[in-house]
Amino acid sequence: MPKEVAEFLEEDRKRTQAQARQDKKHLSRSELETVLSSHVSARRPLERSGLWNLCLENLRKAVAELSAQEQELITLRYDGELSMEEIGRAFVISKMAASKRLKKLHEKLRSSVT
């Protein structure tokens, strides 16, 4: 066997051994990615749930701070599932006015949640 080939093989053997020692100390990249992805995906539902709960709490507070008339408008639209026309009749306003009031309330509530 030529000397250059022997030296190459010896260097390759040393590199392989060094890599094996390093692999024993540390997770491989794919193992690390697997651990991280499972950890992150396991955590995400909790984060989403926590963020969702925080947004809901902020929304509840914002609704509580609305005037009685504004709260009634929200209640009629979402709890009562009334149309804009029905809401207009309840408030003795036009369908368009009911729609505009509801739009303003949405903007007001959205700004308090974000």
C-alpha atoms as a PDB file:
ATOM      1  CA  MET A   1       0.000   0.000   0.000  1.00  0.00           C
ATOM      2  CA  PRO A   2       1.426   3.385  -0.936  1.00  0.00           C
ATOM      3  CA  LYS A   3       2.391   5.690   1.908  1.00  0.00           C
ATOM      4  CA  GLU A   4      -0.042   8.459   0.856  1.00  0.00           C
ATOM      5  CA  VAL A   5      -2.999   6.039   0.918  1.00  0.00           C
ATOM      6  CA  ALA A   6      -2.007   4.740   4.357  1.00  0.00           C
ATOM      7  CA  GLU A   7      -1.738   8.280   5.708  1.00  0.00           C
ATOM      8  CA  PHE A   8      -5.090   9.189   4.200  1.00  0.00           C
ATOM      9  CA  LEU A   9      -6.777   6.159   5.746  1.00  0.00           C
ATOM     10  CA  GLU A  10      -5.167   6.857   9.137  1.00  0.00           C
ATOM     11  CA  GLU A  11      -6.357  10.503   9.050  1.00  0.00           C
ATOM     12  CA  ASP A  12      -9.822   9.341   8.025  1.00  0.00           C
ATOM     13  CA  ARG A  13      -9.904   6.844  10.912  1.00  0.00           C
ATOM     14  CA  LYS A  14      -8.884   9.588  13.371  1.00  0.00           C
ATOM     15  CA  ARG A  15     -11.548  11.942  12.002  1.00  0.00           C
ATOM     16  CA  THR A  16     -14.171   9.210  12.336  1.00  0.00           C
ATOM     17  CA  GLN A  17     -13.159   8.502  15.928  1.00  0.00           C
ATOM     18  CA  ALA A  18     -13.156  12.201  16.818  1.00  0.00           C
ATOM     19  CA  GLN A  19     -16.610  12.603  15.291  1.00  0.00           C
ATOM     20  CA  ALA A  20     -17.879   9.572  17.225  1.00  0.00           C
ATOM     21  CA  ARG A  21     -16.583  11.085  20.492  1.00  0.00           C
ATOM     22  CA  GLN A  22     -18.227  14.414  19.681  1.00  0.00           C
ATOM     23  CA  ASP A  23     -21.502  12.682  18.802  1.00  0.00           C
ATOM     24  CA  LYS A  24     -21.526  10.992  22.197  1.00  0.00           C
ATOM     25  CA  LYS A  25     -21.176  14.374  23.899  1.00  0.00           C
ATOM     26  CA  HIS A  26     -23.760  16.242  21.866  1.00  0.00           C
ATOM     27  CA  LEU A  27     -27.017  15.547  20.138  1.00  0.00           C
ATOM     28  CA  SER A  28     -26.762  15.385  16.392  1.00  0.00           C
ATOM     29  CA  ARG A  29     -28.372  18.177  14.451  1.00  0.00           C
ATOM     30  CA  SER A  30     -31.310  15.989  13.426  1.00  0.00           C
ATOM     31  CA  GLU A  31     -31.802  14.775  17.016  1.00  0.00           C
ATOM     32  CA  LEU A  32     -31.705  18.365  18.249  1.00  0.00           C
ATOM     33  CA  GLU A  33     -34.199  19.476  15.605  1.00  0.00           C
ATOM     34  CA  THR A  34     -36.485  16.599  16.578  1.00  0.00           C
ATOM     35  CA  VAL A  35     -36.323  17.533  20.255  1.00  0.00           C
ATOM     36  CA  LEU A  36     -36.864  21.216  19.531  1.00  0.00           C
ATOM     37  CA  SER A  37     -39.757  20.667  17.160  1.00  0.00           C
ATOM     38  CA  SER A  38     -41.529  18.339  19.557  1.00  0.00           C
ATOM     39  CA  HIS A  39     -40.934  20.768  22.429  1.00  0.00           C
ATOM     40  CA  VAL A  40     -42.125  23.785  20.431  1.00  0.00           C
ATOM     41  CA  SER A  41     -45.174  22.006  19.032  1.00  0.00           C
ATOM     42  CA  ALA A  42     -46.070  20.762  22.504  1.00  0.00           C
ATOM     43  CA  ARG A  43     -45.768  24.312  23.824  1.00  0.00           C
ATOM     44  CA  ARG A  44     -47.648  26.104  21.063  1.00  0.00           C
ATOM     45  CA  PRO A  45     -51.163  25.075  22.075  1.00  0.00           C
ATOM     46  CA  LEU A  46     -50.463  26.363  25.584  1.00  0.00           C
ATOM     47  CA  GLU A  47     -49.102  29.635  24.233  1.00  0.00           C
ATOM     48  CA  ARG A  48     -52.078  30.035  21.925  1.00  0.00           C
ATOM     49  CA  SER A  49     -54.434  29.201  24.748  1.00  0.00           C
ATOM     50  CA  GLY A  50     -52.750  31.703  27.063  1.00  0.00           C
ATOM     51  CA  LEU A  51     -52.778  34.402  24.400  1.00  0.00           C
ATOM     52  CA  TRP A  52     -56.411  33.640  23.567  1.00  0.00           C
ATOM     53  CA  ASN A  53     -57.392  33.876  27.240  1.00  0.00           C
ATOM     54  CA  LEU A  54     -55.558  37.187  27.585  1.00  0.00           C
ATOM     55  CA  CYS A  55     -57.341  38.593  24.534  1.00  0.00           C
ATOM     56  CA  LEU A  56     -60.699  37.414  25.863  1.00  0.00           C
ATOM     57  CA  GLU A  57     -60.037  39.005  29.238  1.00  0.00           C
ATOM     58  CA  ASN A  58     -59.086  42.293  27.571  1.00  0.00           C
ATOM     59  CA  LEU A  59     -62.211  42.093  25.427  1.00  0.00           C
ATOM     60  CA  ARG A  60     -64.430  41.464  28.461  1.00  0.00           C
ATOM     61  CA  LYS A  61     -62.949  44.497  30.207  1.00  0.00           C
ATOM     62  CA  ALA A  62     -63.417  46.647  27.115  1.00  0.00           C
ATOM     63  CA  VAL A  63     -67.053  45.566  26.745  1.00  0.00           C
ATOM     64  CA  ALA A  64     -67.678  46.283  30.426  1.00  0.00           C
ATOM     65  CA  GLU A  65     -66.431  49.843  29.870  1.00  0.00           C
ATOM     66  CA  LEU A  66     -68.896  50.473  27.020  1.00  0.00           C
ATOM     67  CA  SER A  67     -72.057  52.490  27.598  1.00  0.00           C
ATOM     68  CA  ALA A  68     -75.269  50.582  28.258  1.00  0.00           C
ATOM     69  CA  GLN A  69     -76.506  51.380  24.761  1.00  0.00           C
ATOM     70  CA  GLU A  70     -73.274  50.120  23.169  1.00  0.00           C
ATOM     71  CA  GLN A  71     -73.421  46.937  25.244  1.00  0.00           C
ATOM     72  CA  GLU A  72     -77.020  46.402  24.163  1.00  0.00           C
ATOM     73  CA  LEU A  73     -76.038  46.822  20.517  1.00  0.00           C
ATOM     74  CA  ILE A  74     -73.327  44.161  20.909  1.00  0.00           C
ATOM     75  CA  THR A  75     -75.734  41.878  22.758  1.00  0.00           C
ATOM     76  CA  LEU A  76     -78.468  42.192  20.138  1.00  0.00           C
ATOM     77  CA  ARG A  77     -76.058  41.508  17.295  1.00  0.00           C
ATOM     78  CA  TYR A  78     -74.124  38.591  18.763  1.00  0.00           C
ATOM     79  CA  ASP A  79     -76.294  37.055  21.476  1.00  0.00           C
ATOM     80  CA  GLY A  80     -79.610  37.810  19.805  1.00  0.00           C
ATOM     81  CA  GLU A  81     -78.194  37.322  16.303  1.00  0.00           C
ATOM     82  CA  LEU A  82     -80.384  40.151  15.016  1.00  0.00           C
ATOM     83  CA  SER A  83     -79.909  41.599  11.564  1.00  0.00           C
ATOM     84  CA  MET A  84     -78.910  45.235  11.058  1.00  0.00           C
ATOM     85  CA  GLU A  85     -82.486  45.992  10.077  1.00  0.00           C
ATOM     86  CA  GLU A  86     -83.829  44.466  13.304  1.00  0.00           C
ATOM     87  CA  ILE A  87     -81.252  46.314  15.381  1.00  0.00           C
ATOM     88  CA  GLY A  88     -82.200  49.554  13.609  1.00  0.00           C
ATOM     89  CA  ARG A  89     -85.836  49.037  14.533  1.00  0.00           C
ATOM     90  CA  ALA A  90     -84.890  48.273  18.166  1.00  0.00           C
ATOM     91  CA  PHE A  91     -82.895  51.524  18.386  1.00  0.00           C
ATOM     92  CA  VAL A  92     -85.251  53.474  16.137  1.00  0.00           C
ATOM     93  CA  ILE A  93     -82.464  54.222  13.681  1.00  0.00           C
ATOM     94  CA  SER A  94     -81.798  53.229  10.089  1.00  0.00           C
ATOM     95  CA  LYS A  95     -80.160  49.976   9.082  1.00  0.00           C
ATOM     96  CA  MET A  96     -77.138  51.981   7.878  1.00  0.00           C
ATOM     97  CA  ALA A  97     -76.827  53.833  11.196  1.00  0.00           C
ATOM     98  CA  ALA A  98     -76.922  50.512  13.085  1.00  0.00           C
ATOM     99  CA  SER A  99     -74.227  49.146  10.809  1.00  0.00           C
ATOM    100  CA  LYS A 100     -72.030  52.228  11.297  1.00  0.00           C
ATOM    101  CA  ARG A 101     -72.420  52.114  15.073  1.00  0.00           C
ATOM    102  CA  LEU A 102     -71.484  48.449  15.121  1.00  0.00           C
ATOM    103  CA  LYS A 103     -68.473  49.112  12.902  1.00  0.00           C
ATOM    104  CA  LYS A 104     -67.265  51.854  15.270  1.00  0.00           C
ATOM    105  CA  LEU A 105     -67.715  49.502  18.212  1.00  0.00           C
ATOM    106  CA  HIS A 106     -65.667  46.843  16.446  1.00  0.00           C
ATOM    107  CA  GLU A 107     -62.850  49.317  15.880  1.00  0.00           C
ATOM    108  CA  LYS A 108     -63.017  50.469  19.490  1.00  0.00           C
ATOM    109  CA  LEU A 109     -62.957  46.904  20.841  1.00  0.00           C
ATOM    110  CA  ARG A 110     -60.253  45.773  18.410  1.00  0.00           C
ATOM    111  CA  SER A 111     -57.948  48.553  19.548  1.00  0.00           C
ATOM    112  CA  SER A 112     -58.403  47.547  23.190  1.00  0.00           C
ATOM    113  CA  VAL A 113     -57.573  43.899  22.505  1.00  0.00           C
ATOM    114  CA  THR A 114     -54.464  44.358  20.355  1.00  0.00           C
END
